[in-house]
Each structure stands twice: as C-alpha cells, then as structure tokens.
Amino acid sequence: MIRQVEGTERETRRPRVLLPSARTGPMRAVLRRIGIALVLLFGVVAVVYLDRDGYRDNAGGPLSLLDCFYYATVTVSTTGYGDITPVSETARLVNIVFVTPVRVLFLIVLVGTTLEVLAERTRADWRLSRWRARVRDHIVVAGYGTKGRSAIKTLISTGVERESIVVVDPDPRIVAEAAEAGLAGIVGDATRSSVLRQAAVERARVVVVASARDDTSVLITLTARQLNPHAKIQAAVRESENVPLLRQSGADHVITSSEAAGRLLGVSTSQPNVSEVIEDLLEQGSGLDLVEREVRPGEVGGPLGAVPEPALAMVRGGRTLPYDDAACARLEPGDRLIVARSQRRARPDEADDGRSGG
C-alpha cells in the first residue's frame, strides 16, 4: 500500500506542460469522420458503376446501382463475400490503384478515435519539443491567482506577447485556464527545481513570484535564483517583515501586497480623489500611466523639469532619484525617466518608449 501511495504521489508531482491550442468539439469531430467515410464510399460506388460491365455477379445479370453500393460496402469494410468480382483488366486495375487505397483510408476513419489520440500525442510532443527549443528571454509567472493574473494583464497591456509568458501553478484547472487564455502553462510546484526547469527558467528574462504564501514565495525565489543568477526576480509578499528575507533570497524587487492595499484604503478614506488617481495609475492602459523610458538626445543636458511629460523620478546608476534631487538638474546619456502619461494623448512612438522600460 505504501509503495502504491508513493507511486501516486510521484505521478501527481510530475510537472506537465500545457500549450495553448484550438479545440474541436466531439460532435464536430464525429460528423467530420462520417463525412469522410461517406465521400470514400460514394467514390467507390461511382467508379464501379461507371465500369459495371467489368464485374461479374454470381447471381447473373448486369450490375445495378444497388449492386454497386453493395459491392462498395462489403469491399471497403473488408468483408468481401466474393459474390461480385472484377473480371476485366480495367476493373482489376481500378481495384488495385483506387479501391484498395480507399479501403485503407476507410479503415483509418473507422479507427479514427485511436489514431487521433496517437496523432494528438505525437503533435503535442512535437510542439512541446519545439517550444522548449525556442523559448528564451521569456517571463515566468509562478502563481496564477489574483496577483499573477493582474501581473500578466499589465504585461500584455504594455506590449508583452502572450507567447513569451509561462505560467507555473500546482492546480491543473488553473493552468488549463491559462492555456485557454493563450499562455503556456506548467502544472507543478514552483518551489521544485525540476518544475522550474520545465518552464526553462534558466533562460528566462524575468521571474514573477505571485504565490499566495510568503514562505512559498521565499522558496520559489531561492530556487529561481539558483537556476538563473541573471534573471530579474519580482516578488510579492503579504507581510512587510518578510521583505528582507525575499531580498536575501535573491529578489530584485519586492511588493508588499497587503500593506499596499491598506495604504490605498487609508488614502481613499482621507483623500478620495487621490485614491482614484492611484487606482488609475495601477490600471495600465486605462488612462494615466507611469512609464519608464530612456532620456532622449534632445533632453540630454537639460533639467528633468524640462521634459515634455510630467516627470516624477530619474534612474541613474541603479538608483532612483526623485524629481527634486540635485542630480536631476542635468540629464545625462543613459538616464531613465519615470514619467506620467495619458493614454488618451500618447503617440505611437511614445508608447514604444514606454515598452522599452521592461
């Protein structure tokens, strides 16, 4: 009994990869097979009827249309009673080059369910091998709950392709939902290195840790950092006391979700209009957005306040400086600016600058 339970646990823990694909309804698949079978059957009937003089019926007399249907039916189904046989050279040649291949195709249609399953597995294995060979510089999202879905929604709104996002979650139903949304998904525990290897985390550009538990987030961050020392790891925790632990584990940025929600509640109570602006900023692509972009050549040498968009901060040498810092009085090549932008007035070239901040 113990061995059986252990085997079941290994089977359950084994990671599975789900890639997005179009689905065909069972009724439609059955009707399609029936249609193919009828086309093949009528094709044989037509050929036999056109050369009915080349066939001999043991009952005597020429072949009627019903006899042709009978011969086609027993022939393509491999029953073959032998009461109607081809006797002319033309009829025998037609049976060799046409009727026999049709018989084989008819058998394939009859066992189409089994063959389709085998073909689907082969196709899935081929797509999986091709995906693993091509996926790189992608974004791995560990956890497809509320935080993970919101993060993916924001990434897509900023121009990130769905094909470059991989979801990892232990719940098969949740991963199936991600696959239906056009995302590649891995069913498994993201704290295990074998699961993250299935997501090709060693070739990932960014890892987003959106687990519901802080201890799980720490383990995922440790595992991801061990497999990929160069990836940017963005993590979310519920309690601020766990932020240093996440940073020690290798996270580049840590968001405290519960306290951020609490601060937003406090702002909405005392300053409701400010709260609405903050919510607008959090909803990427809806109105006001905060965008990170490179400083333009015409802006080099000038102050941050001369930038056309409202500038809130500048990033230089890995440090984020507020707009009133003394260093913001003169912009240098390579600086990155954090500016506010309205999507109602954003130009296409400006939108491209915003996407480059990832």
Protein backbone atom coordinates (compact mmCIF):
# COMPACT_ATOMS: atom_id res chain seq x y z
CA MET A 1 0.00 0.00 0.00
CA ILE A 2 2.84 2.39 0.86
CA ARG A 3 4.52 1.77 -2.48
CA GLN A 4 1.26 2.42 -4.27
CA VAL A 5 0.75 5.74 -2.45
CA GLU A 6 4.34 6.79 -3.17
CA GLY A 7 3.88 5.98 -6.85
CA THR A 8 0.69 8.03 -6.93
CA GLU A 9 2.42 10.99 -5.30
CA ARG A 10 5.26 10.83 -7.83
CA GLU A 11 2.72 10.78 -10.66
CA THR A 12 0.88 13.75 -9.14
CA ARG A 13 4.06 15.76 -8.61
CA ARG A 14 5.37 15.17 -12.11
CA PRO A 15 5.20 18.52 -13.94
CA ARG A 16 3.12 18.77 -17.09
CA VAL A 17 3.36 21.39 -19.81
CA LEU A 18 0.17 22.76 -21.37
CA LEU A 19 0.49 24.83 -24.53
CA PRO A 20 -2.36 26.92 -25.96
CA SER A 21 -4.24 25.16 -28.77
CA ALA A 22 -7.57 25.27 -30.57
CA ARG A 23 -10.19 22.72 -29.52
CA THR A 24 -12.62 20.82 -31.74
CA GLY A 25 -15.94 19.66 -30.30
CA PRO A 26 -16.55 15.86 -30.16
CA MET A 27 -19.73 16.06 -32.24
CA ARG A 28 -17.96 18.04 -34.92
CA ALA A 29 -15.11 15.52 -34.99
CA VAL A 30 -17.56 12.58 -35.33
CA LEU A 31 -19.51 14.30 -38.11
CA ARG A 32 -16.29 15.04 -39.95
CA ARG A 33 -15.28 11.35 -39.83
CA ILE A 34 -18.73 10.29 -41.04
CA GLY A 35 -18.49 12.76 -43.91
CA ILE A 36 -15.09 11.44 -44.95
CA ALA A 37 -16.38 7.84 -44.84
CA LEU A 38 -19.39 8.71 -47.00
CA VAL A 39 -17.22 10.51 -49.55
CA LEU A 40 -14.95 7.46 -49.83
CA LEU A 41 -17.94 5.10 -50.14
CA PHE A 42 -19.66 7.15 -52.85
CA GLY A 43 -16.34 7.44 -54.67
CA VAL A 44 -16.05 3.65 -54.91
CA VAL A 45 -19.72 3.37 -55.97
CA ALA A 46 -19.18 5.87 -58.78
CA VAL A 47 -16.05 4.12 -60.08
CA VAL A 48 -17.67 0.66 -60.00
CA TYR A 49 -20.89 1.89 -61.61
CA LEU A 50 -19.04 3.57 -64.50
CA ASP A 51 -17.24 0.25 -65.24
CA ARG A 52 -20.03 -2.11 -64.15
CA ASP A 53 -19.58 -4.24 -67.29
CA GLY A 54 -16.16 -5.28 -65.98
CA TYR A 55 -17.66 -7.04 -62.92
CA ARG A 56 -19.38 -10.44 -62.67
CA ASP A 57 -22.27 -11.17 -60.33
CA ASN A 58 -22.72 -14.82 -59.31
CA ALA A 59 -26.48 -14.21 -59.31
CA GLY A 60 -26.29 -13.38 -63.02
CA GLY A 61 -27.30 -10.28 -64.92
CA PRO A 62 -25.66 -6.85 -65.15
CA LEU A 63 -24.79 -4.82 -62.00
CA SER A 64 -27.43 -2.36 -60.87
CA LEU A 65 -26.78 0.76 -58.82
CA LEU A 66 -27.82 -1.18 -55.70
CA ASP A 67 -25.30 -3.90 -56.61
CA CYS A 68 -22.61 -1.23 -56.89
CA PHE A 69 -23.49 0.08 -53.42
CA TYR A 70 -23.40 -3.48 -52.10
CA TYR A 71 -20.00 -4.21 -53.66
CA ALA A 72 -18.57 -0.90 -52.41
CA THR A 73 -19.83 -1.51 -48.88
CA VAL A 74 -18.50 -5.06 -48.49
CA THR A 75 -15.24 -4.15 -50.20
CA VAL A 76 -14.22 -1.04 -48.25
CA SER A 77 -15.27 -2.69 -44.98
CA THR A 78 -13.01 -5.69 -45.89
CA THR A 79 -15.97 -8.09 -45.54
CA GLY A 80 -15.57 -9.30 -49.15
CA TYR A 81 -18.14 -12.06 -49.75
CA GLY A 82 -16.81 -12.67 -53.28
CA ASP A 83 -20.19 -12.87 -54.99
CA ILE A 84 -19.31 -9.83 -57.13
CA THR A 85 -15.78 -9.84 -58.58
CA PRO A 86 -13.86 -7.76 -61.11
CA VAL A 87 -13.15 -9.77 -64.26
CA SER A 88 -11.90 -7.25 -66.80
CA GLU A 89 -8.37 -5.85 -66.73
CA THR A 90 -9.69 -2.32 -66.31
CA ALA A 91 -11.82 -3.26 -63.31
CA ARG A 92 -8.93 -5.11 -61.67
CA LEU A 93 -6.59 -2.15 -62.29
CA VAL A 94 -9.12 0.21 -60.72
CA ASN A 95 -9.33 -2.07 -57.68
CA ILE A 96 -5.55 -2.01 -57.35
CA VAL A 97 -4.92 1.72 -57.75
CA PHE A 98 -8.15 3.13 -56.31
CA VAL A 99 -10.39 0.75 -54.35
CA THR A 100 -7.59 -0.74 -52.23
CA PRO A 101 -6.25 2.69 -51.08
CA VAL A 102 -9.83 3.75 -50.36
CA ARG A 103 -10.26 0.60 -48.25
CA VAL A 104 -7.20 1.56 -46.22
CA LEU A 105 -8.45 5.14 -45.76
CA PHE A 106 -11.86 3.82 -44.75
CA LEU A 107 -10.25 1.67 -42.06
CA ILE A 108 -8.32 4.69 -40.83
CA VAL A 109 -11.59 6.60 -40.50
CA LEU A 110 -13.18 3.68 -38.62
CA VAL A 111 -10.38 3.63 -36.06
CA GLY A 112 -10.05 7.41 -36.20
CA THR A 113 -10.53 7.90 -32.49
CA THR A 114 -7.49 5.83 -31.56
CA LEU A 115 -5.41 7.25 -34.36
CA GLU A 116 -6.42 10.78 -33.44
CA VAL A 117 -5.31 10.23 -29.87
CA LEU A 118 -1.96 8.92 -31.07
CA ALA A 119 -1.62 11.76 -33.55
CA GLU A 120 -2.56 14.30 -30.89
CA ARG A 121 0.08 12.93 -28.54
CA THR A 122 2.67 12.98 -31.30
CA ARG A 123 1.70 16.52 -32.25
CA ALA A 124 1.75 17.62 -28.61
CA ASP A 125 5.20 16.08 -28.10
CA TRP A 126 6.45 17.79 -31.25
CA ARG A 127 5.02 21.17 -30.20
CA LEU A 128 6.48 20.75 -26.73
CA SER A 129 9.95 19.92 -28.09
CA ARG A 130 9.77 22.85 -30.50
CA TRP A 131 8.62 25.18 -27.71
CA ARG A 132 11.41 24.10 -25.38
CA ALA A 133 13.99 24.63 -28.10
CA ARG A 134 12.73 28.13 -28.95
CA VAL A 135 11.66 29.63 -25.61
CA ARG A 136 14.16 32.11 -24.21
CA ASP A 137 14.17 35.64 -22.76
CA HIS A 138 10.64 34.94 -21.56
CA ILE A 139 8.76 35.77 -18.36
CA VAL A 140 7.96 33.03 -15.85
CA VAL A 141 4.98 33.77 -13.59
CA ALA A 142 4.84 31.49 -10.55
CA GLY A 143 1.23 31.55 -9.38
CA TYR A 144 -1.86 32.23 -11.48
CA GLY A 145 -4.05 33.62 -8.76
CA THR A 146 -5.32 37.18 -8.43
CA LYS A 147 -1.82 38.68 -8.28
CA GLY A 148 -0.45 36.56 -11.10
CA ARG A 149 -3.36 37.28 -13.42
CA SER A 150 -3.18 41.00 -12.72
CA ALA A 151 0.55 41.00 -13.40
CA ILE A 152 0.05 39.18 -16.71
CA LYS A 153 -2.78 41.53 -17.70
CA THR A 154 -0.50 44.51 -17.08
CA LEU A 155 2.37 42.93 -19.00
CA ILE A 156 0.15 42.27 -22.01
CA SER A 157 -1.22 45.82 -21.92
CA THR A 158 2.33 47.16 -22.10
CA GLY A 159 3.09 45.19 -25.26
CA VAL A 160 4.46 41.89 -23.96
CA GLU A 161 3.49 38.98 -26.23
CA ARG A 162 1.45 36.15 -24.74
CA GLU A 163 3.86 33.64 -26.28
CA SER A 164 6.66 35.00 -24.08
CA ILE A 165 4.82 34.33 -20.79
CA VAL A 166 4.94 30.96 -18.99
CA VAL A 167 2.64 30.24 -16.04
CA VAL A 168 3.57 27.79 -13.27
CA ASP A 169 0.87 26.63 -10.86
CA PRO A 170 0.18 23.35 -8.99
CA ASP A 171 -3.56 23.36 -9.88
CA PRO A 172 -4.23 21.69 -13.28
CA ARG A 173 -7.53 23.55 -13.68
CA ILE A 174 -5.87 26.92 -13.23
CA VAL A 175 -3.12 26.05 -15.70
CA ALA A 176 -5.78 24.88 -18.16
CA GLU A 177 -7.40 28.32 -17.86
CA ALA A 178 -4.03 29.93 -18.59
CA ALA A 179 -3.63 27.73 -21.68
CA GLU A 180 -7.10 28.75 -22.88
CA ALA A 181 -6.01 32.37 -22.47
CA GLY A 182 -3.13 31.75 -24.88
CA LEU A 183 -0.37 31.22 -22.32
CA ALA A 184 1.99 28.30 -21.91
CA GLY A 185 1.47 26.60 -18.55
CA ILE A 186 3.36 24.20 -16.31
CA VAL A 187 1.45 22.08 -13.80
CA GLY A 188 3.67 21.65 -10.77
CA ASP A 189 5.12 23.11 -7.58
CA ALA A 190 7.31 26.11 -8.45
CA THR A 191 9.44 25.54 -5.35
CA ARG A 192 10.95 22.46 -7.05
CA SER A 193 13.82 22.96 -9.46
CA SER A 194 12.56 20.25 -11.83
CA VAL A 195 9.31 22.18 -12.34
CA LEU A 196 11.09 25.48 -13.00
CA ARG A 197 13.39 23.71 -15.46
CA GLN A 198 10.27 22.64 -17.34
CA ALA A 199 9.48 26.36 -17.62
CA ALA A 200 13.06 26.96 -18.91
CA VAL A 201 13.66 29.38 -16.06
CA GLU A 202 17.41 29.17 -16.68
CA ARG A 203 16.79 31.06 -19.96
CA ALA A 204 14.13 33.41 -18.59
CA ARG A 205 14.49 37.18 -18.57
CA VAL A 206 12.13 37.86 -15.66
CA VAL A 207 10.60 35.70 -12.92
CA VAL A 208 7.42 36.97 -11.27
CA VAL A 209 6.71 35.33 -7.91
CA ALA A 210 2.98 35.69 -7.18
CA SER A 211 2.37 32.95 -4.64
CA ALA A 212 -0.39 33.25 -2.04
CA ARG A 213 2.00 32.32 0.82
CA ASP A 214 5.11 34.21 1.87
CA ASP A 215 7.09 31.09 2.77
CA THR A 216 6.34 29.64 -0.65
CA SER A 217 7.48 32.89 -2.28
CA VAL A 218 10.81 32.63 -0.46
CA LEU A 219 11.38 29.05 -1.64
CA ILE A 220 10.42 29.90 -5.23
CA THR A 221 12.79 32.87 -5.20
CA LEU A 222 15.65 30.78 -3.81
CA THR A 223 15.13 28.06 -6.42
CA ALA A 224 14.77 30.51 -9.32
CA ARG A 225 17.87 32.44 -8.30
CA GLN A 226 19.89 29.23 -8.04
CA LEU A 227 18.84 28.17 -11.54
CA ASN A 228 19.23 31.62 -13.10
CA PRO A 229 21.61 34.07 -11.41
CA HIS A 230 20.96 36.80 -14.00
CA ALA A 231 17.15 36.93 -14.24
CA LYS A 232 15.22 39.81 -12.73
CA ILE A 233 13.02 38.42 -9.94
CA GLN A 234 9.92 40.39 -8.97
CA ALA A 235 8.19 39.02 -5.86
CA ALA A 236 5.09 39.82 -3.84
CA VAL A 237 4.60 39.17 -0.12
CA ARG A 238 1.73 39.76 2.25
CA GLU A 239 3.74 40.91 5.28
CA SER A 240 6.44 43.60 5.21
CA GLU A 241 8.53 41.71 7.78
CA ASN A 242 9.27 39.13 5.06
CA VAL A 243 10.63 41.69 2.59
CA PRO A 244 14.27 41.42 3.81
CA LEU A 245 14.03 37.64 3.62
CA LEU A 246 12.86 37.84 0.00
CA ARG A 247 15.69 40.22 -0.87
CA GLN A 248 18.25 37.93 0.77
CA SER A 249 16.79 35.06 -1.23
CA GLY A 250 17.58 36.89 -4.47
CA ALA A 251 14.53 39.02 -5.31
CA ASP A 252 15.35 42.28 -7.11
CA HIS A 253 12.05 43.97 -6.23
CA VAL A 254 9.54 43.06 -3.53
CA ILE A 255 5.96 44.32 -3.35
CA THR A 256 4.04 44.16 -0.07
CA SER A 257 0.52 43.42 -1.26
CA SER A 258 -1.46 43.60 1.99
CA GLU A 259 0.13 46.81 3.25
CA ALA A 260 -0.17 48.42 -0.19
CA ALA A 261 -3.90 47.65 -0.14
CA GLY A 262 -4.15 49.04 3.39
CA ARG A 263 -2.39 52.27 2.42
CA LEU A 264 -4.72 52.63 -0.55
CA LEU A 265 -7.69 52.19 1.77
CA GLY A 266 -6.33 54.90 4.07
CA VAL A 267 -5.80 57.30 1.18
CA SER A 268 -9.28 56.63 -0.20
CA THR A 269 -10.75 57.46 3.21
CA SER A 270 -8.95 60.76 3.72
CA GLN A 271 -8.30 61.80 0.10
CA PRO A 272 -10.74 60.00 -2.22
CA ASN A 273 -9.68 61.91 -5.35
CA VAL A 274 -6.04 60.99 -4.82
CA SER A 275 -7.12 57.40 -4.40
CA GLU A 276 -8.89 57.49 -7.77
CA VAL A 277 -5.72 58.74 -9.46
CA ILE A 278 -3.66 55.98 -7.82
CA GLU A 279 -6.14 53.34 -8.98
CA ASP A 280 -5.99 54.80 -12.48
CA LEU A 281 -2.21 54.53 -12.42
CA LEU A 282 -2.44 50.91 -11.29
CA GLU A 283 -4.79 50.04 -14.18
CA GLN A 284 -2.30 50.03 -17.04
CA GLY A 285 -3.63 51.38 -20.32
CA SER A 286 -6.90 52.79 -18.98
CA GLY A 287 -5.99 56.47 -18.51
CA LEU A 288 -2.98 57.77 -16.62
CA ASP A 289 0.10 55.52 -16.68
CA LEU A 290 3.56 55.70 -15.17
CA VAL A 291 6.11 54.88 -17.89
CA GLU A 292 9.84 54.27 -17.71
CA ARG A 293 11.76 55.41 -20.77
CA GLU A 294 15.27 56.39 -21.81
CA VAL A 295 16.27 60.02 -21.95
CA ARG A 296 16.11 61.36 -25.50
CA PRO A 297 19.13 63.02 -27.19
CA GLY A 298 17.39 66.41 -27.23
CA GLU A 299 16.81 66.21 -23.47
CA VAL A 300 20.44 65.50 -22.52
CA GLY A 301 21.99 68.41 -20.64
CA GLY A 302 18.69 69.91 -19.58
CA PRO A 303 16.86 69.61 -16.26
CA LEU A 304 14.30 66.93 -15.51
CA GLY A 305 11.61 69.61 -15.28
CA ALA A 306 12.08 70.47 -18.98
CA VAL A 307 10.86 67.04 -20.10
CA PRO A 308 7.52 67.35 -22.00
CA GLU A 309 5.71 64.80 -19.81
CA PRO A 310 5.32 65.24 -16.04
CA ALA A 311 8.50 63.59 -14.70
CA LEU A 312 8.44 62.08 -11.22
CA ALA A 313 11.85 60.46 -10.90
CA MET A 314 15.10 59.63 -12.68
CA VAL A 315 17.10 56.38 -12.59
CA ARG A 316 20.88 56.75 -12.75
CA GLY A 317 23.45 54.12 -11.87
CA GLY A 318 20.79 51.80 -10.47
CA ARG A 319 19.50 54.48 -8.07
CA THR A 320 16.04 56.03 -8.33
CA LEU A 321 16.16 59.76 -7.61
CA PRO A 322 13.05 61.92 -7.01
CA TYR A 323 12.35 64.86 -9.29
CA ASP A 324 13.66 67.40 -6.71
CA ASP A 325 17.05 65.72 -6.27
CA ALA A 326 20.02 67.90 -7.16
CA ALA A 327 21.23 65.36 -9.73
CA CYS A 328 18.03 65.89 -11.75
CA ALA A 329 19.18 69.38 -12.69
CA ARG A 330 21.19 67.95 -15.59
CA LEU A 331 20.21 64.83 -17.54
CA GLU A 332 22.95 62.56 -18.84
CA PRO A 333 23.02 59.91 -21.60
CA GLY A 334 21.83 56.56 -20.26
CA ASP A 335 19.47 58.05 -17.69
CA ARG A 336 15.99 56.57 -17.48
CA LEU A 337 12.98 58.71 -16.65
CA ILE A 338 9.78 57.84 -14.80
CA VAL A 339 7.09 59.99 -16.39
CA ALA A 340 3.30 60.20 -16.20
CA ARG A 341 1.49 59.77 -19.48
CA SER A 342 -2.13 59.85 -20.53
CA GLN A 343 -3.10 57.03 -22.88
CA ARG A 344 -5.66 59.34 -24.48
CA ARG A 345 -2.88 61.54 -25.85
CA ALA A 346 0.04 59.08 -26.16
CA ARG A 347 1.64 58.92 -29.59
CA PRO A 348 2.76 55.57 -31.10
CA ASP A 349 6.45 56.46 -30.83
CA GLU A 350 5.99 57.43 -27.18
CA ALA A 351 4.22 54.15 -26.49
CA ASP A 352 7.24 52.33 -27.90
CA ASP A 353 9.49 54.26 -25.49
CA GLY A 354 7.32 53.08 -22.62
CA ARG A 355 7.60 49.41 -23.59
CA SER A 356 11.37 49.62 -23.65
CA GLY A 357 11.45 50.02 -19.90
CA GLY A 358 10.92 46.30 -19.19
